[in-house]
PDB file of all heavy atoms in Angstrom:
ATOM      1  N   ARG A   1       0.836  -1.208   0.000  1.00  0.00           N
ATOM      2  CA  ARG A   1       0.000   0.000   0.000  1.00  0.00           C
ATOM      3  C   ARG A   1       0.868   1.254   0.000  1.00  0.00           C
ATOM      4  O   ARG A   1       0.560   2.236  -0.675  1.00  0.00           O
ATOM      5  CB  ARG A   1      -0.947  -0.001   1.196  1.00  0.00           C
ATOM      6  CG  ARG A   1      -2.169  -0.874   0.998  1.00  0.00           C
ATOM      7  CD  ARG A   1      -3.264  -0.585   2.019  1.00  0.00           C
ATOM      8  NE  ARG A   1      -2.833  -0.801   3.395  1.00  0.00           N
ATOM      9  CZ  ARG A   1      -2.865  -1.971   4.022  1.00  0.00           C
ATOM     10  NH1 ARG A   1      -3.298  -3.038   3.393  1.00  0.00           N
ATOM     11  NH2 ARG A   1      -2.470  -2.061   5.272  1.00  0.00           N
ATOM     12  N   ILE A   2       1.949   1.224   0.764  1.00  0.00           N
ATOM     13  CA  ILE A   2       2.868   2.369   0.791  1.00  0.00           C
ATOM     14  C   ILE A   2       3.451   2.594  -0.597  1.00  0.00           C
ATOM     15  O   ILE A   2       3.477   3.721  -1.101  1.00  0.00           O
ATOM     16  CB  ILE A   2       3.984   2.138   1.834  1.00  0.00           C
ATOM     17  CG1 ILE A   2       3.396   2.161   3.245  1.00  0.00           C
ATOM     18  CG2 ILE A   2       5.108   3.160   1.680  1.00  0.00           C
ATOM     19  CD1 ILE A   2       4.322   1.591   4.317  1.00  0.00           C
ATOM     20  N   GLY A   3       3.912   1.526  -1.225  1.00  0.00           N
ATOM     21  CA  GLY A   3       4.469   1.634  -2.573  1.00  0.00           C
ATOM     22  C   GLY A   3       3.446   2.147  -3.573  1.00  0.00           C
ATOM     23  O   GLY A   3       3.760   3.005  -4.407  1.00  0.00           O
ATOM     24  N   ASP A   4       2.216   1.645  -3.500  1.00  0.00           N
ATOM     25  CA  ASP A   4       1.160   2.093  -4.404  1.00  0.00           C
ATOM     26  C   ASP A   4       0.855   3.575  -4.215  1.00  0.00           C
ATOM     27  O   ASP A   4       0.639   4.308  -5.185  1.00  0.00           O
ATOM     28  CB  ASP A   4      -0.122   1.277  -4.200  1.00  0.00           C
ATOM     29  CG  ASP A   4      -0.002  -0.146  -4.703  1.00  0.00           C
ATOM     30  OD1 ASP A   4       0.952  -0.442  -5.466  1.00  0.00           O
ATOM     31  OD2 ASP A   4      -0.860  -0.976  -4.320  1.00  0.00           O
ATOM     32  N   TYR A   5       0.862   4.012  -2.963  1.00  0.00           N
ATOM     33  CA  TYR A   5       0.585   5.418  -2.675  1.00  0.00           C
ATOM     34  C   TYR A   5       1.669   6.322  -3.270  1.00  0.00           C
ATOM     35  O   TYR A   5       1.371   7.318  -3.928  1.00  0.00           O
ATOM     36  CB  TYR A   5       0.474   5.636  -1.161  1.00  0.00           C
ATOM     37  CG  TYR A   5       0.183   7.063  -0.799  1.00  0.00           C
ATOM     38  CD1 TYR A   5      -1.104   7.578  -0.919  1.00  0.00           C
ATOM     39  CD2 TYR A   5       1.191   7.907  -0.351  1.00  0.00           C
ATOM     40  CE1 TYR A   5      -1.371   8.901  -0.603  1.00  0.00           C
ATOM     41  CE2 TYR A   5       0.931   9.225  -0.016  1.00  0.00           C
ATOM     42  CZ  TYR A   5      -0.352   9.721  -0.149  1.00  0.00           C
ATOM     43  OH  TYR A   5      -0.619  11.029   0.157  1.00  0.00           O
ATOM     44  N   ILE A   6       2.918   5.954  -3.060  1.00  0.00           N
ATOM     45  CA  ILE A   6       4.032   6.754  -3.592  1.00  0.00           C
ATOM     46  C   ILE A   6       4.009   6.724  -5.116  1.00  0.00           C
ATOM     47  O   ILE A   6       4.281   7.736  -5.771  1.00  0.00           O
ATOM     48  CB  ILE A   6       5.376   6.247  -3.040  1.00  0.00           C
ATOM     49  CG1 ILE A   6       5.439   6.461  -1.523  1.00  0.00           C
ATOM     50  CG2 ILE A   6       6.557   6.938  -3.729  1.00  0.00           C
ATOM     51  CD1 ILE A   6       6.609   5.779  -0.841  1.00  0.00           C
ATOM     52  N   ALA A   7       3.669   5.583  -5.696  1.00  0.00           N
ATOM     53  CA  ALA A   7       3.667   5.420  -7.156  1.00  0.00           C
ATOM     54  C   ALA A   7       2.641   6.319  -7.850  1.00  0.00           C
ATOM     55  O   ALA A   7       2.802   6.624  -9.028  1.00  0.00           O
ATOM     56  CB  ALA A   7       3.400   3.965  -7.520  1.00  0.00           C
ATOM     57  N   GLN A   8       1.631   6.752  -7.134  1.00  0.00           N
ATOM     58  CA  GLN A   8       0.645   7.654  -7.734  1.00  0.00           C
ATOM     59  C   GLN A   8       1.304   8.928  -8.250  1.00  0.00           C
ATOM     60  O   GLN A   8       0.903   9.468  -9.283  1.00  0.00           O
ATOM     61  CB  GLN A   8      -0.445   8.018  -6.723  1.00  0.00           C
ATOM     62  CG  GLN A   8      -1.339   6.872  -6.365  1.00  0.00           C
ATOM     63  CD  GLN A   8      -2.322   7.235  -5.262  1.00  0.00           C
ATOM     64  OE1 GLN A   8      -2.524   8.406  -4.944  1.00  0.00           O
ATOM     65  NE2 GLN A   8      -2.934   6.230  -4.674  1.00  0.00           N
ATOM     66  N   ASP A   9       2.312   9.406  -7.532  1.00  0.00           N
ATOM     67  CA  ASP A   9       3.013  10.629  -7.926  1.00  0.00           C
ATOM     68  C   ASP A   9       4.361  10.370  -8.577  1.00  0.00           C
ATOM     69  O   ASP A   9       4.804  11.162  -9.404  1.00  0.00           O
ATOM     70  CB  ASP A   9       3.238  11.533  -6.703  1.00  0.00           C
ATOM     71  CG  ASP A   9       1.943  12.093  -6.158  1.00  0.00           C
ATOM     72  OD1 ASP A   9       1.010  12.328  -6.947  1.00  0.00           O
ATOM     73  OD2 ASP A   9       1.861  12.277  -4.932  1.00  0.00           O
ATOM     74  N   ASN A  10       5.023   9.264  -8.168  1.00  0.00           N
ATOM     75  CA  ASN A  10       6.381   9.040  -8.642  1.00  0.00           C
ATOM     76  C   ASN A  10       6.703   7.540  -8.644  1.00  0.00           C
ATOM     77  O   ASN A  10       7.260   7.018  -7.670  1.00  0.00           O
ATOM     78  CB  ASN A  10       7.366   9.800  -7.739  1.00  0.00           C
ATOM     79  CG  ASN A  10       8.763   9.821  -8.284  1.00  0.00           C
ATOM     80  OD1 ASN A  10       9.145   8.978  -9.097  1.00  0.00           O
ATOM     81  ND2 ASN A  10       9.555  10.784  -7.832  1.00  0.00           N
ATOM     82  N   PRO A  11       6.369   6.848  -9.736  1.00  0.00           N
ATOM     83  CA  PRO A  11       6.602   5.402  -9.791  1.00  0.00           C
ATOM     84  C   PRO A  11       8.060   4.990  -9.573  1.00  0.00           C
ATOM     85  O   PRO A  11       8.328   3.979  -8.916  1.00  0.00           O
ATOM     86  CB  PRO A  11       6.136   5.018 -11.198  1.00  0.00           C
ATOM     87  CG  PRO A  11       5.200   6.107 -11.605  1.00  0.00           C
ATOM     88  CD  PRO A  11       5.697   7.346 -10.931  1.00  0.00           C
ATOM     89  N   THR A  12       8.984   5.765 -10.080  1.00  0.00           N
ATOM     90  CA  THR A  12      10.398   5.437  -9.911  1.00  0.00           C
ATOM     91  C   THR A  12      10.793   5.516  -8.442  1.00  0.00           C
ATOM     92  O   THR A  12      11.489   4.632  -7.924  1.00  0.00           O
ATOM     93  CB  THR A  12      11.280   6.385 -10.748  1.00  0.00           C
ATOM     94  OG1 THR A  12      10.872   6.293 -12.111  1.00  0.00           O
ATOM     95  CG2 THR A  12      12.747   6.035 -10.624  1.00  0.00           C
ATOM     96  N   ARG A  13      10.337   6.552  -7.770  1.00  0.00           N
ATOM     97  CA  ARG A  13      10.648   6.702  -6.343  1.00  0.00           C
ATOM     98  C   ARG A  13       9.983   5.601  -5.528  1.00  0.00           C
ATOM     99  O   ARG A  13      10.548   5.127  -4.536  1.00  0.00           O
ATOM    100  CB  ARG A  13      10.198   8.075  -5.841  1.00  0.00           C
ATOM    101  CG  ARG A  13      10.446   8.281  -4.358  1.00  0.00           C
ATOM    102  CD  ARG A  13      11.928   8.184  -4.022  1.00  0.00           C
ATOM    103  NE  ARG A  13      12.132   8.317  -2.582  1.00  0.00           N
ATOM    104  CZ  ARG A  13      12.951   7.563  -1.873  1.00  0.00           C
ATOM    105  NH1 ARG A  13      13.695   6.630  -2.452  1.00  0.00           N
ATOM    106  NH2 ARG A  13      13.076   7.739  -0.583  1.00  0.00           N
ATOM    107  N   ALA A  14       8.810   5.170  -5.931  1.00  0.00           N
ATOM    108  CA  ALA A  14       8.123   4.096  -5.220  1.00  0.00           C
ATOM    109  C   ALA A  14       8.984   2.836  -5.202  1.00  0.00           C
ATOM    110  O   ALA A  14       9.127   2.185  -4.161  1.00  0.00           O
ATOM    111  CB  ALA A  14       6.767   3.810  -5.855  1.00  0.00           C
ATOM    112  N   ILE A  15       9.572   2.520  -6.330  1.00  0.00           N
ATOM    113  CA  ILE A  15      10.421   1.322  -6.412  1.00  0.00           C
ATOM    114  C   ILE A  15      11.645   1.468  -5.519  1.00  0.00           C
ATOM    115  O   ILE A  15      11.966   0.562  -4.746  1.00  0.00           O
ATOM    116  CB  ILE A  15      10.831   1.045  -7.872  1.00  0.00           C
ATOM    117  CG1 ILE A  15       9.597   0.646  -8.682  1.00  0.00           C
ATOM    118  CG2 ILE A  15      11.908  -0.033  -7.941  1.00  0.00           C
ATOM    119  CD1 ILE A  15       9.819   0.620 -10.180  1.00  0.00           C
ATOM    120  N   SER A  16      12.312   2.608  -5.595  1.00  0.00           N
ATOM    121  CA  SER A  16      13.518   2.786  -4.776  1.00  0.00           C
ATOM    122  C   SER A  16      13.173   2.834  -3.287  1.00  0.00           C
ATOM    123  O   SER A  16      13.907   2.290  -2.459  1.00  0.00           O
ATOM    124  CB  SER A  16      14.294   4.033  -5.202  1.00  0.00           C
ATOM    125  OG  SER A  16      13.564   5.208  -4.933  1.00  0.00           O
ATOM    126  N   PHE A  17      12.042   3.439  -2.950  1.00  0.00           N
ATOM    127  CA  PHE A  17      11.668   3.497  -1.542  1.00  0.00           C
ATOM    128  C   PHE A  17      11.315   2.120  -1.003  1.00  0.00           C
ATOM    129  O   PHE A  17      11.623   1.796   0.145  1.00  0.00           O
ATOM    130  CB  PHE A  17      10.502   4.468  -1.303  1.00  0.00           C
ATOM    131  CG  PHE A  17      10.225   4.651   0.161  1.00  0.00           C
ATOM    132  CD1 PHE A  17      11.061   5.430   0.948  1.00  0.00           C
ATOM    133  CD2 PHE A  17       9.150   4.028   0.769  1.00  0.00           C
ATOM    134  CE1 PHE A  17      10.838   5.575   2.303  1.00  0.00           C
ATOM    135  CE2 PHE A  17       8.908   4.170   2.125  1.00  0.00           C
ATOM    136  CZ  PHE A  17       9.752   4.952   2.895  1.00  0.00           C
ATOM    137  N   MET A  18      10.695   1.308  -1.815  1.00  0.00           N
ATOM    138  CA  MET A  18      10.366  -0.051  -1.375  1.00  0.00           C
ATOM    139  C   MET A  18      11.645  -0.847  -1.089  1.00  0.00           C
ATOM    140  O   MET A  18      11.694  -1.615  -0.132  1.00  0.00           O
ATOM    141  CB  MET A  18       9.499  -0.770  -2.406  1.00  0.00           C
ATOM    142  CG  MET A  18       8.121  -0.140  -2.594  1.00  0.00           C
ATOM    143  SD  MET A  18       7.243   0.147  -1.047  1.00  0.00           S
ATOM    144  CE  MET A  18       7.028  -1.514  -0.478  1.00  0.00           C
ATOM    145  N   HIS A  19      12.680  -0.625  -1.878  1.00  0.00           N
ATOM    146  CA  HIS A  19      13.973  -1.270  -1.606  1.00  0.00           C
ATOM    147  C   HIS A  19      14.557  -0.758  -0.280  1.00  0.00           C
ATOM    148  O   HIS A  19      15.079  -1.543   0.518  1.00  0.00           O
ATOM    149  CB  HIS A  19      14.962  -1.029  -2.744  1.00  0.00           C
ATOM    150  CG  HIS A  19      14.653  -1.790  -3.987  1.00  0.00           C
ATOM    151  ND1 HIS A  19      14.692  -3.163  -4.067  1.00  0.00           N
ATOM    152  CD2 HIS A  19      14.282  -1.366  -5.220  1.00  0.00           C
ATOM    153  CE1 HIS A  19      14.360  -3.554  -5.277  1.00  0.00           C
ATOM    154  NE2 HIS A  19      14.098  -2.476  -5.994  1.00  0.00           N
ATOM    155  N   GLU A  20      14.439   0.545  -0.049  1.00  0.00           N
ATOM    156  CA  GLU A  20      14.927   1.120   1.209  1.00  0.00           C
ATOM    157  C   GLU A  20      14.166   0.547   2.399  1.00  0.00           C
ATOM    158  O   GLU A  20      14.763   0.207   3.425  1.00  0.00           O
ATOM    159  CB  GLU A  20      14.755   2.634   1.205  1.00  0.00           C
ATOM    160  CG  GLU A  20      15.662   3.373   0.267  1.00  0.00           C
ATOM    161  CD  GLU A  20      15.337   4.861   0.220  1.00  0.00           C
ATOM    162  OE1 GLU A  20      14.821   5.400   1.233  1.00  0.00           O
ATOM    163  OE2 GLU A  20      15.581   5.484  -0.823  1.00  0.00           O
ATOM    164  N   LEU A  21      12.853   0.453   2.253  1.00  0.00           N
ATOM    165  CA  LEU A  21      12.028  -0.059   3.334  1.00  0.00           C
ATOM    166  C   LEU A  21      12.365  -1.519   3.626  1.00  0.00           C
ATOM    167  O   LEU A  21      12.455  -1.934   4.786  1.00  0.00           O
ATOM    168  CB  LEU A  21      10.550   0.100   2.966  1.00  0.00           C
ATOM    169  CG  LEU A  21       9.531   0.052   4.083  1.00  0.00           C
ATOM    170  CD1 LEU A  21       9.845   1.050   5.181  1.00  0.00           C
ATOM    171  CD2 LEU A  21       8.146   0.325   3.518  1.00  0.00           C
ATOM    172  N   ARG A  22      12.605  -2.271   2.590  1.00  0.00           N
ATOM    173  CA  ARG A  22      12.992  -3.681   2.766  1.00  0.00           C
ATOM    174  C   ARG A  22      14.331  -3.777   3.510  1.00  0.00           C
ATOM    175  O   ARG A  22      14.498  -4.591   4.414  1.00  0.00           O
ATOM    176  CB  ARG A  22      13.077  -4.365   1.397  1.00  0.00           C
ATOM    177  CG  ARG A  22      13.497  -5.796   1.445  1.00  0.00           C
ATOM    178  CD  ARG A  22      12.500  -6.650   2.168  1.00  0.00           C
ATOM    179  NE  ARG A  22      13.039  -7.999   2.256  1.00  0.00           N
ATOM    180  CZ  ARG A  22      12.455  -8.996   2.823  1.00  0.00           C
ATOM    181  NH1 ARG A  22      11.282  -8.833   3.365  1.00  0.00           N
ATOM    182  NH2 ARG A  22      13.005 -10.165   2.867  1.00  0.00           N
ATOM    183  N   LYS A  23      15.280  -2.914   3.145  1.00  0.00           N
ATOM    184  CA  LYS A  23      16.570  -2.899   3.841  1.00  0.00           C
ATOM    185  C   LYS A  23      16.398  -2.510   5.305  1.00  0.00           C
ATOM    186  O   LYS A  23      17.100  -3.021   6.182  1.00  0.00           O
ATOM    187  CB  LYS A  23      17.548  -1.954   3.153  1.00  0.00           C
ATOM    188  CG  LYS A  23      18.104  -2.505   1.863  1.00  0.00           C
ATOM    189  CD  LYS A  23      19.101  -1.552   1.253  1.00  0.00           C
ATOM    190  CE  LYS A  23      19.591  -2.099  -0.080  1.00  0.00           C
ATOM    191  NZ  LYS A  23      20.543  -1.189  -0.721  1.00  0.00           N
ATOM    192  N   ALA A  24      15.445  -1.611   5.561  1.00  0.00           N
ATOM    193  CA  ALA A  24      15.181  -1.199   6.940  1.00  0.00           C
ATOM    194  C   ALA A  24      14.663  -2.371   7.773  1.00  0.00           C
ATOM    195  O   ALA A  24      14.943  -2.450   8.972  1.00  0.00           O
ATOM    196  CB  ALA A  24      14.179  -0.047   6.965  1.00  0.00           C
ATOM    197  N   THR A  25      13.960  -3.303   7.151  1.00  0.00           N
ATOM    198  CA  THR A  25      13.511  -4.494   7.885  1.00  0.00           C
ATOM    199  C   THR A  25      14.670  -5.467   8.073  1.00  0.00           C
ATOM    200  O   THR A  25      14.735  -6.144   9.100  1.00  0.00           O
ATOM    201  CB  THR A  25      12.338  -5.207   7.186  1.00  0.00           C
ATOM    202  OG1 THR A  25      12.753  -5.714   5.921  1.00  0.00           O
ATOM    203  CG2 THR A  25      11.142  -4.289   7.034  1.00  0.00           C
ATOM    204  N   GLU A  26      15.573  -5.525   7.125  1.00  0.00           N
ATOM    205  CA  GLU A  26      16.715  -6.442   7.231  1.00  0.00           C
ATOM    206  C   GLU A  26      17.667  -6.047   8.361  1.00  0.00           C
ATOM    207  O   GLU A  26      18.337  -6.899   8.931  1.00  0.00           O
ATOM    208  CB  GLU A  26      17.445  -6.521   5.894  1.00  0.00           C
ATOM    209  CG  GLU A  26      16.631  -7.212   4.815  1.00  0.00           C
ATOM    210  CD  GLU A  26      17.256  -7.127   3.430  1.00  0.00           C
ATOM    211  OE1 GLU A  26      18.372  -6.597   3.303  1.00  0.00           O
ATOM    212  OE2 GLU A  26      16.599  -7.585   2.476  1.00  0.00           O
ATOM    213  N   VAL A  27      17.712  -4.758   8.687  1.00  0.00           N
ATOM    214  CA  VAL A  27      18.539  -4.268   9.790  1.00  0.00           C
ATOM    215  C   VAL A  27      18.149  -4.960  11.097  1.00  0.00           C
ATOM    216  O   VAL A  27      18.985  -5.169  11.975  1.00  0.00           O
ATOM    217  CB  VAL A  27      18.385  -2.732   9.919  1.00  0.00           C
ATOM    218  CG1 VAL A  27      18.943  -2.213  11.223  1.00  0.00           C
ATOM    219  CG2 VAL A  27      19.032  -2.041   8.739  1.00  0.00           C
ATOM    220  N   LEU A  28      16.905  -5.347  11.202  1.00  0.00           N
ATOM    221  CA  LEU A  28      16.402  -5.976  12.425  1.00  0.00           C
ATOM    222  C   LEU A  28      17.071  -7.309  12.718  1.00  0.00           C
ATOM    223  O   LEU A  28      17.028  -7.785  13.847  1.00  0.00           O
ATOM    224  CB  LEU A  28      14.885  -6.170  12.331  1.00  0.00           C
ATOM    225  CG  LEU A  28      14.071  -4.909  12.062  1.00  0.00           C
ATOM    226  CD1 LEU A  28      12.611  -5.260  11.858  1.00  0.00           C
ATOM    227  CD2 LEU A  28      14.250  -3.905  13.182  1.00  0.00           C
ATOM    228  N   SER A  29      17.681  -7.911  11.727  1.00  0.00           N
ATOM    229  CA  SER A  29      18.307  -9.224  11.916  1.00  0.00           C
ATOM    230  C   SER A  29      19.568  -9.159  12.764  1.00  0.00           C
ATOM    231  O   SER A  29      19.979 -10.164  13.337  1.00  0.00           O
ATOM    232  CB  SER A  29      18.634  -9.862  10.567  1.00  0.00           C
ATOM    233  OG  SER A  29      19.682  -9.155   9.934  1.00  0.00           O
ATOM    234  N   VAL A  30      20.177  -7.999  12.875  1.00  0.00           N
ATOM    235  CA  VAL A  30      21.462  -7.889  13.556  1.00  0.00           C
ATOM    236  C   VAL A  30      21.314  -7.752  15.072  1.00  0.00           C
ATOM    237  O   VAL A  30      21.746  -8.626  15.819  1.00  0.00           O
ATOM    238  CB  VAL A  30      22.295  -6.728  12.975  1.00  0.00           C
ATOM    239  CG1 VAL A  30      23.655  -6.661  13.640  1.00  0.00           C
ATOM    240  CG2 VAL A  30      22.447  -6.879  11.473  1.00  0.00           C
ATOM    241  N   PHE A  31      20.719  -6.678  15.541  1.00  0.00           N
ATOM    242  CA  PHE A  31      20.515  -6.443  16.970  1.00  0.00           C
ATOM    243  C   PHE A  31      19.074  -6.020  17.221  1.00  0.00           C
ATOM    244  O   PHE A  31      18.812  -4.871  17.598  1.00  0.00           O
ATOM    245  CB  PHE A  31      21.468  -5.362  17.494  1.00  0.00           C
ATOM    246  CG  PHE A  31      22.907  -5.766  17.510  1.00  0.00           C
ATOM    247  CD1 PHE A  31      23.813  -5.147  16.672  1.00  0.00           C
ATOM    248  CD2 PHE A  31      23.346  -6.770  18.360  1.00  0.00           C
ATOM    249  CE1 PHE A  31      25.145  -5.516  16.678  1.00  0.00           C
ATOM    250  CE2 PHE A  31      24.681  -7.145  18.372  1.00  0.00           C
ATOM    251  CZ  PHE A  31      25.587  -6.521  17.529  1.00  0.00           C
ATOM    252  N   PRO A  32      18.119  -6.909  17.023  1.00  0.00           N
ATOM    253  CA  PRO A  32      16.714  -6.508  17.140  1.00  0.00           C
ATOM    254  C   PRO A  32      16.323  -6.013  18.524  1.00  0.00           C
ATOM    255  O   PRO A  32      15.448  -5.147  18.654  1.00  0.00           O
ATOM    256  CB  PRO A  32      15.944  -7.780  16.779  1.00  0.00           C
ATOM    257  CG  PRO A  32      16.888  -8.890  17.062  1.00  0.00           C
ATOM    258  CD  PRO A  32      18.252  -8.334  16.760  1.00  0.00           C
ATOM    259  N   GLU A  33      16.989  -6.513  19.535  1.00  0.00           N
ATOM    260  CA  GLU A  33      16.625  -6.106  20.892  1.00  0.00           C
ATOM    261  C   GLU A  33      17.187  -4.735  21.261  1.00  0.00           C
ATOM    262  O   GLU A  33      16.913  -4.220  22.338  1.00  0.00           O
ATOM    263  CB  GLU A  33      17.037  -7.184  21.887  1.00  0.00           C
ATOM    264  CG  GLU A  33      16.206  -8.444  21.677  1.00  0.00           C
ATOM    265  CD  GLU A  33      16.642  -9.625  22.511  1.00  0.00           C
ATOM    266  OE1 GLU A  33      17.833  -9.695  22.884  1.00  0.00           O
ATOM    267  OE2 GLU A  33      15.787 -10.474  22.769  1.00  0.00           O
ATOM    268  N   ALA A  34      17.937  -4.129  20.358  1.00  0.00           N
ATOM    269  CA  ALA A  34      18.418  -2.769  20.578  1.00  0.00           C
ATOM    270  C   ALA A  34      17.310  -1.744  20.337  1.00  0.00           C
ATOM    271  O   ALA A  34      17.414  -0.603  20.782  1.00  0.00           O
ATOM    272  CB  ALA A  34      19.596  -2.472  19.653  1.00  0.00           C
ATOM    273  N   PHE A  35      16.267  -2.164  19.643  1.00  0.00           N
ATOM    274  CA  PHE A  35      15.146  -1.270  19.366  1.00  0.00           C
ATOM    275  C   PHE A  35      14.181  -1.293  20.549  1.00  0.00           C
ATOM    276  O   PHE A  35      14.002  -2.328  21.195  1.00  0.00           O
ATOM    277  CB  PHE A  35      14.437  -1.691  18.074  1.00  0.00           C
ATOM    278  CG  PHE A  35      15.294  -1.521  16.857  1.00  0.00           C
ATOM    279  CD1 PHE A  35      16.086  -2.562  16.396  1.00  0.00           C
ATOM    280  CD2 PHE A  35      15.340  -0.313  16.181  1.00  0.00           C
ATOM    281  CE1 PHE A  35      16.890  -2.413  15.289  1.00  0.00           C
ATOM    282  CE2 PHE A  35      16.139  -0.151  15.063  1.00  0.00           C
ATOM    283  CZ  PHE A  35      16.920  -1.200  14.618  1.00  0.00           C
ATOM    284  N   PRO A  36      13.541  -0.158  20.833  1.00  0.00           N
ATOM    285  CA  PRO A  36      12.706  -0.080  22.039  1.00  0.00           C
ATOM    286  C   PRO A  36      11.401  -0.859  21.929  1.00  0.00           C
ATOM    287  O   PRO A  36      10.840  -1.030  20.842  1.00  0.00           O
ATOM    288  CB  PRO A  36      12.413   1.424  22.150  1.00  0.00           C
ATOM    289  CG  PRO A  36      12.472   1.922  20.741  1.00  0.00           C
ATOM    290  CD  PRO A  36      13.561   1.105  20.083  1.00  0.00           C
ATOM    291  N   LEU A  37      10.942  -1.313  23.095  1.00  0.00           N
ATOM    292  CA  LEU A  37       9.603  -1.884  23.181  1.00  0.00           C
ATOM    293  C   LEU A  37       8.594  -0.756  22.999  1.00  0.00           C
ATOM    294  O   LEU A  37       8.849   0.394  23.391  1.00  0.00           O
ATOM    295  CB  LEU A  37       9.397  -2.549  24.545  1.00  0.00           C
ATOM    296  CG  LEU A  37      10.181  -3.842  24.771  1.00  0.00           C
ATOM    297  CD1 LEU A  37      10.182  -4.201  26.253  1.00  0.00           C
ATOM    298  CD2 LEU A  37       9.601  -4.970  23.941  1.00  0.00           C
ATOM    299  N   VAL A  38       7.454  -1.077  22.418  1.00  0.00           N
ATOM    300  CA  VAL A  38       6.411  -0.081  22.200  1.00  0.00           C
ATOM    301  C   VAL A  38       5.704   0.182  23.523  1.00  0.00           C
ATOM    302  O   VAL A  38       5.249  -0.757  24.192  1.00  0.00           O
ATOM    303  CB  VAL A  38       5.406  -0.556  21.129  1.00  0.00           C
ATOM    304  CG1 VAL A  38       4.268   0.449  20.972  1.00  0.00           C
ATOM    305  CG2 VAL A  38       6.111  -0.778  19.796  1.00  0.00           C
ATOM    306  N   SER A  39       5.625   1.453  23.890  1.00  0.00           N
ATOM    307  CA  SER A  39       4.971   1.846  25.130  1.00  0.00           C
ATOM    308  C   SER A  39       3.522   1.349  25.149  1.00  0.00           C
ATOM    309  O   SER A  39       2.780   1.548  24.189  1.00  0.00           O
ATOM    310  CB  SER A  39       5.004   3.370  25.260  1.00  0.00           C
ATOM    311  OG  SER A  39       4.365   3.771  26.446  1.00  0.00           O
ATOM    312  N   GLY A  40       3.176   0.679  26.227  1.00  0.00           N
ATOM    313  CA  GLY A  40       1.837   0.128  26.362  1.00  0.00           C
ATOM    314  C   GLY A  40       1.713  -1.297  25.840  1.00  0.00           C
ATOM    315  O   GLY A  40       0.708  -1.953  26.056  1.00  0.00           O
ATOM    316  N   TYR A  41       2.752  -1.769  25.137  1.00  0.00           N
ATOM    317  CA  TYR A  41       2.747  -3.118  24.566  1.00  0.00           C
ATOM    318  C   TYR A  41       3.956  -3.932  25.031  1.00  0.00           C
ATOM    319  O   TYR A  41       4.299  -4.926  24.420  1.00  0.00           O
ATOM    320  CB  TYR A  41       2.730  -3.050  23.028  1.00  0.00           C
ATOM    321  CG  TYR A  41       1.470  -2.454  22.481  1.00  0.00           C
ATOM    322  CD1 TYR A  41       1.339  -1.084  22.323  1.00  0.00           C
ATOM    323  CD2 TYR A  41       0.390  -3.258  22.136  1.00  0.00           C
ATOM    324  CE1 TYR A  41       0.173  -0.526  21.839  1.00  0.00           C
ATOM    325  CE2 TYR A  41      -0.780  -2.713  21.643  1.00  0.00           C
ATOM    326  CZ  TYR A  41      -0.885  -1.338  21.504  1.00  0.00           C
ATOM    327  OH  TYR A  41      -2.040  -0.799  21.020  1.00  0.00           O
ATOM    328  N   GLU A  42       4.563  -3.487  26.100  1.00  0.00           N
ATOM    329  CA  GLU A  42       5.775  -4.149  26.592  1.00  0.00           C
ATOM    330  C   GLU A  42       5.541  -5.635  26.874  1.00  0.00           C
ATOM    331  O   GLU A  42       6.409  -6.463  26.587  1.00  0.00           O
ATOM    332  CB  GLU A  42       6.290  -3.473  27.870  1.00  0.00           C
ATOM    333  CG  GLU A  42       6.761  -2.057  27.676  1.00  0.00           C
ATOM    334  CD  GLU A  42       5.657  -1.016  27.872  1.00  0.00           C
ATOM    335  OE1 GLU A  42       4.480  -1.398  28.008  1.00  0.00           O
ATOM    336  OE2 GLU A  42       5.982   0.178  27.886  1.00  0.00           O
ATOM    337  N   ASP A  43       4.358  -5.965  27.410  1.00  0.00           N
ATOM    338  CA  ASP A  43       4.076  -7.359  27.760  1.00  0.00           C
ATOM    339  C   ASP A  43       3.927  -8.260  26.536  1.00  0.00           C
ATOM    340  O   ASP A  43       4.025  -9.474  26.640  1.00  0.00           O
ATOM    341  CB  ASP A  43       2.830  -7.456  28.647  1.00  0.00           C
ATOM    342  CG  ASP A  43       1.586  -6.886  27.995  1.00  0.00           C
ATOM    343  OD1 ASP A  43       1.697  -5.936  27.196  1.00  0.00           O
ATOM    344  OD2 ASP A  43       0.489  -7.403  28.295  1.00  0.00           O
ATOM    345  N   THR A  44       3.727  -7.661  25.359  1.00  0.00           N
ATOM    346  CA  THR A  44       3.593  -8.444  24.129  1.00  0.00           C
ATOM    347  C   THR A  44       4.929  -8.611  23.414  1.00  0.00           C
ATOM    348  O   THR A  44       5.038  -9.396  22.477  1.00  0.00           O
ATOM    349  CB  THR A  44       2.600  -7.794  23.151  1.00  0.00           C
ATOM    350  OG1 THR A  44       3.129  -6.542  22.711  1.00  0.00           O
ATOM    351  CG2 THR A  44       1.234  -7.606  23.786  1.00  0.00           C
ATOM    352  N   GLY A  45       5.921  -7.834  23.840  1.00  0.00           N
ATOM    353  CA  GLY A  45       7.233  -7.912  23.213  1.00  0.00           C
ATOM    354  C   GLY A  45       7.336  -7.185  21.888  1.00  0.00           C
ATOM    355  O   GLY A  45       8.311  -7.341  21.154  1.00  0.00           O
ATOM    356  N   ILE A  46       6.347  -6.352  21.558  1.00  0.00           N
ATOM    357  CA  ILE A  46       6.386  -5.625  20.288  1.00  0.00           C
ATOM    358  C   ILE A  46       7.379  -4.475  20.390  1.00  0.00           C
ATOM    359  O   ILE A  46       7.340  -3.680  21.319  1.00  0.00           O
ATOM    360  CB  ILE A  46       4.987  -5.106  19.888  1.00  0.00           C
ATOM    361  CG1 ILE A  46       4.038  -6.289  19.676  1.00  0.00           C
ATOM    362  CG2 ILE A  46       5.076  -4.249  18.625  1.00  0.00           C
ATOM    363  CD1 ILE A  46       2.600  -5.886  19.397  1.00  0.00           C
TER     364      ILE A  46
END
């Protein structure tokens, strides 16, 4: 949905941003516990 939204104005940017977003998820593989727990959801581990 994010990619589709961006593509409405700039299809080329949508593709590059989707690659960036995917890389941002891959960063989680290294030190995922370095990222903060979500306030109010600590008991769920989110």
